[in-house]
Protein backbone atom coordinates (compact mmCIF):
# COMPACT_ATOMS: atom_id res chain seq x y z
CA MET A 1 -38.96 -4.28 -28.22
CA LYS A 2 -36.07 -1.83 -28.35
CA LYS A 3 -32.76 -3.03 -29.63
CA GLU A 4 -30.09 -3.52 -26.97
CA ARG A 5 -27.83 -0.96 -28.61
CA ASP A 6 -30.67 1.60 -28.32
CA ILE A 7 -31.29 0.80 -24.64
CA TYR A 8 -27.63 0.94 -23.69
CA CYS A 9 -26.61 3.67 -26.10
CA TRP A 10 -24.30 5.21 -23.48
CA THR A 11 -21.97 2.23 -23.96
CA GLN A 12 -22.11 2.53 -27.76
CA THR A 13 -22.22 6.18 -28.80
CA GLY A 14 -22.26 7.86 -25.39
CA ILE A 15 -19.70 8.71 -22.72
CA ARG A 16 -18.58 5.07 -22.41
CA GLY A 17 -18.58 4.51 -26.16
CA ASP A 18 -17.18 6.44 -29.11
CA ARG A 19 -18.94 9.68 -27.98
CA SER A 20 -20.52 10.20 -31.38
CA CYS A 21 -24.01 10.79 -29.94
CA PRO A 22 -25.30 14.20 -31.11
CA GLU A 23 -27.07 14.69 -27.75
CA LEU A 24 -23.76 14.88 -25.87
CA SER A 25 -23.14 18.46 -26.95
CA GLY A 26 -26.25 19.54 -25.06
CA HIS A 27 -26.26 17.10 -22.12
CA ILE A 28 -22.43 17.07 -21.59
CA HIS A 29 -22.73 13.65 -19.88
CA CYS A 30 -25.05 10.69 -20.44
CA ARG A 31 -26.33 10.87 -16.86
CA ASN A 32 -28.09 14.13 -17.82
CA CYS A 33 -29.92 12.46 -20.71
CA PRO A 34 -33.56 11.28 -20.30
CA ARG A 35 -32.76 8.01 -22.08
CA TYR A 36 -30.02 7.22 -19.54
CA GLN A 37 -32.39 8.03 -16.68
CA ALA A 38 -35.08 5.83 -18.21
CA GLY A 39 -32.56 2.97 -18.40
CA GLY A 40 -31.91 3.36 -14.67
CA ARG A 41 -35.62 3.22 -13.89
CA ASP A 42 -36.00 0.09 -16.04
CA LEU A 43 -33.12 -1.55 -14.17
CA LEU A 44 -34.61 -0.80 -10.74
CA GLY A 45 -38.11 -1.78 -11.84
CA ARG A 46 -37.26 -5.13 -13.42
CA GLU A 47 -38.57 -8.40 -11.96
CA PRO A 48 -36.08 -10.07 -9.57
CA PRO A 49 -34.83 -13.60 -10.39
CA LYS A 50 -37.08 -16.46 -9.26
CA ASP A 51 -34.86 -17.50 -6.31
CA TYR A 52 -33.80 -13.96 -5.36
CA LEU A 53 -35.62 -13.72 -2.01
CA GLU A 54 -34.85 -17.32 -1.06
CA ASN A 55 -31.12 -16.90 -1.74
CA TRP A 56 -30.96 -13.67 0.27
CA ALA A 57 -32.83 -15.31 3.16
CA LYS A 58 -30.20 -18.07 3.24
CA THR A 59 -27.38 -15.53 3.11
CA ILE A 60 -28.77 -13.47 5.98
CA ALA A 61 -29.45 -16.58 8.08
CA ARG A 62 -25.87 -17.83 7.67
CA PRO A 63 -23.91 -17.66 10.98
CA GLU A 64 -21.45 -14.79 11.16
CA THR A 65 -17.84 -15.80 10.67
CA LYS A 66 -15.74 -14.48 13.49
CA LYS A 67 -12.51 -12.87 12.41
CA ASP A 68 -9.30 -13.87 14.07
CA GLY A 69 -8.34 -10.86 16.16
CA SER A 70 -4.72 -11.95 16.12
CA GLN A 71 -4.32 -11.24 12.39
CA LYS A 72 -2.04 -8.30 11.64
CA THR A 73 -1.53 -6.27 8.46
CA ILE A 74 1.96 -5.17 7.49
CA MET A 75 3.74 -3.33 4.69
CA VAL A 76 6.53 -5.45 3.22
CA PHE A 77 9.65 -4.00 1.58
CA ARG A 78 13.19 -5.02 0.69
CA ILE A 79 16.44 -3.36 1.72
CA GLY A 80 19.54 -5.00 0.28
CA SER A 81 18.87 -8.72 0.44
CA GLU A 82 16.54 -8.48 3.46
CA TRP A 83 12.75 -8.53 3.28
CA LEU A 84 11.31 -6.56 6.20
CA ALA A 85 7.95 -5.30 7.42
CA LEU A 86 6.42 -2.59 9.60
CA PRO A 87 2.77 -2.24 10.69
CA ALA A 88 0.70 -1.01 7.76
CA GLY A 89 -0.81 1.78 9.85
CA LEU A 90 2.55 3.56 9.99
CA PHE A 91 2.77 3.97 6.21
CA VAL A 92 1.56 7.12 4.52
CA GLU A 93 2.66 6.31 0.96
CA THR A 94 5.40 4.98 -1.27
CA THR A 95 6.77 7.20 -4.00
CA ARG A 96 9.68 7.53 -6.39
CA PRO A 97 12.97 8.85 -4.90
CA ARG A 98 13.53 12.58 -4.60
CA PRO A 99 16.74 14.58 -4.00
CA ILE A 100 18.02 14.47 -0.42
CA ARG A 101 19.45 17.70 1.00
CA ARG A 102 22.06 17.23 3.70
CA VAL A 103 21.81 19.27 6.89
CA PRO A 104 25.22 20.79 7.82
CA HIS A 105 26.64 19.39 11.06
CA ARG A 106 23.54 17.22 11.57
CA SER A 107 23.51 14.63 8.78
CA ASN A 108 25.17 11.31 9.56
CA SER A 109 25.14 7.68 8.43
CA VAL A 110 21.55 7.23 9.64
CA PHE A 111 20.04 10.71 9.28
CA LEU A 112 20.62 11.53 5.60
CA GLY A 113 18.97 14.94 5.48
CA LEU A 114 15.71 16.45 4.22
CA ALA A 115 13.53 15.37 1.30
CA SER A 116 10.57 17.18 -0.25
CA ILE A 117 7.52 14.97 -0.89
CA TRP A 118 4.71 16.80 -2.68
CA GLY A 119 6.00 20.08 -1.29
CA ASN A 120 6.24 18.85 2.31
CA ILE A 121 9.66 18.58 3.95
CA HIS A 122 10.37 15.22 5.61
CA LEU A 123 13.29 13.85 7.62
CA CYS A 124 15.08 11.25 5.52
CA PHE A 125 17.05 8.39 7.03
CA SER A 126 18.91 5.27 5.95
CA ALA A 127 17.12 2.16 7.20
CA ASP A 128 19.96 -0.06 6.01
CA ALA A 129 22.49 1.91 8.11
CA LEU A 130 20.16 1.83 11.12
CA LEU A 131 19.57 -1.92 10.81
CA GLY A 132 23.13 -2.76 9.75
CA ILE A 133 22.07 -4.27 6.42
CA GLN A 134 24.75 -4.68 3.77
CA PRO A 135 23.97 -4.25 0.04
CA ALA A 136 23.03 -7.42 -1.81
CA PRO A 137 26.30 -9.16 -2.84
CA ASP A 138 25.26 -9.49 -6.48
CA ALA A 139 23.95 -5.93 -6.79
CA LYS A 140 25.42 -3.91 -9.64
CA ALA A 141 26.44 -0.29 -9.22
CA LYS A 142 23.38 0.97 -11.10
CA ASP A 143 21.11 -1.18 -8.92
CA LYS A 144 22.37 0.35 -5.67
CA ALA A 145 20.32 3.51 -6.18
CA PRO A 146 17.03 3.28 -4.22
CA ARG A 147 13.94 2.62 -6.32
CA TRP A 148 11.37 3.78 -3.77
CA PHE A 149 10.86 6.23 -0.94
CA CYS A 150 8.73 4.90 1.92
CA VAL A 151 6.93 7.65 3.84
CA VAL A 152 6.03 6.66 7.40
CA SER A 153 4.58 8.62 10.30
CA ARG A 154 4.45 8.00 14.03
CA HIS A 155 3.12 10.43 16.62
CA ASN A 156 2.52 12.88 13.74
CA LEU A 157 6.24 12.96 12.92
CA PRO A 158 6.82 11.98 9.26
CA TRP A 159 9.95 10.16 8.11
CA VAL A 160 11.20 8.94 4.74
CA PHE A 161 13.55 6.06 4.02
CA PRO A 162 14.79 4.62 0.72
CA ALA A 163 13.94 1.01 -0.16
CA ASP A 164 15.12 -1.19 -2.99
CA GLU A 165 11.71 -2.79 -3.52
CA VAL A 166 8.20 -2.57 -2.09
CA TYR A 167 6.04 -5.69 -2.16
CA GLY A 168 2.95 -4.13 -0.60
CA LEU A 169 0.51 -5.25 2.08
CA GLY A 170 0.70 -8.64 3.72
CA ASN A 171 -1.10 -10.42 6.58
CA TYR A 172 0.05 -12.80 9.27
CA ILE A 173 -1.30 -14.43 12.43
CA GLU A 174 0.63 -13.91 15.62
CA LYS A 175 0.79 -17.61 16.46
CA ASN A 176 2.62 -18.24 13.16
CA VAL A 177 5.50 -15.87 13.93
CA GLN A 178 8.81 -17.76 13.98
CA PRO A 179 11.89 -16.85 16.05
CA VAL A 180 14.68 -14.92 14.37
CA PRO A 181 17.49 -17.24 13.12
CA VAL A 182 20.73 -17.01 15.09
CA ASN A 183 22.71 -16.33 11.92
CA VAL A 184 21.02 -12.91 11.46
CA ALA A 185 23.35 -9.95 11.97
CA LYS A 186 23.38 -8.70 15.57
CA THR A 187 22.18 -5.21 14.61
CA THR A 188 19.25 -6.54 12.58
CA LEU A 189 18.44 -9.05 15.33
CA LYS A 190 18.11 -6.18 17.82
CA PHE A 191 15.28 -4.58 15.83
CA THR A 192 13.51 -7.76 14.65
CA THR A 193 10.84 -9.45 16.74
CA GLY A 194 10.22 -12.47 14.54
CA ILE A 195 9.94 -13.96 11.06
CA VAL A 196 6.78 -14.51 9.02
CA ALA A 197 6.18 -15.87 5.54
CA VAL A 198 4.71 -13.37 3.07
CA ASN A 199 4.37 -14.40 -0.57
CA ARG A 200 6.70 -17.34 0.20
CA ARG A 201 9.40 -14.99 1.44
CA GLN A 202 10.86 -14.99 4.93
CA THR A 203 10.10 -11.49 6.20
CA GLY A 204 11.48 -9.89 9.33
CA LEU A 205 9.03 -8.04 11.60
CA ILE A 206 10.58 -4.79 12.80
CA ASP A 207 9.96 -3.66 16.38
CA GLU A 208 8.45 -0.22 15.78
CA GLU A 209 9.22 1.04 19.29
CA LEU A 210 12.95 0.35 19.02
CA PHE A 211 13.03 1.41 15.37
CA PHE A 212 11.58 4.89 15.85
CA ALA A 213 13.38 5.45 19.14
CA ALA A 214 16.67 4.91 17.32
CA LEU A 215 15.57 7.34 14.59
CA GLU A 216 14.84 10.04 17.12
CA ARG A 217 18.26 9.52 18.70
CA SER A 218 19.89 9.96 15.29
CA ILE A 219 18.75 13.58 15.12
CA ALA A 220 19.15 14.44 18.81
């Protein structure tokens, strides 16, 4: 019987090991080596476990679990002290901040200017100015600089906005959406359709229709 280290040499001296195998110079990669190919054939040709077929029969016979069609996926981020969310399908990527170039006679408190992301020019706007969000009261001067750029796209029009923090993807069920508290600022209330709990944080759901319509007006 071959030793295990001989059978699985690719994990010891091969491409996934210390790469000391003398055959590598000729084969370049272990997948080109006859020994590696023989290991694959041995794996596919081995006897299945005793209960293999029985367990698979039970798995296939199990009733299909219907997914709740009301579940939604969102991207969660923080601006100032507010945790907010937009539909995940609007997000292209999140990246580190880049320089923002103002557009003479066009830039304003909402439309900040143009930003280059991987060589592509995007319209950059201030979500906090649009939503009327004030900086966190305990934020230090050095913490006021945005840590992330969120790249979103709707109707093939890309936008970028700075965010202080990005949590990532979250899910919620429509029936669990709570009404917006009355103590929320009027501007934020206008754009928020409800509150959901994501990672134990109260997160405001942004109305994408109103949100992007306001963005388009900012550059009109």
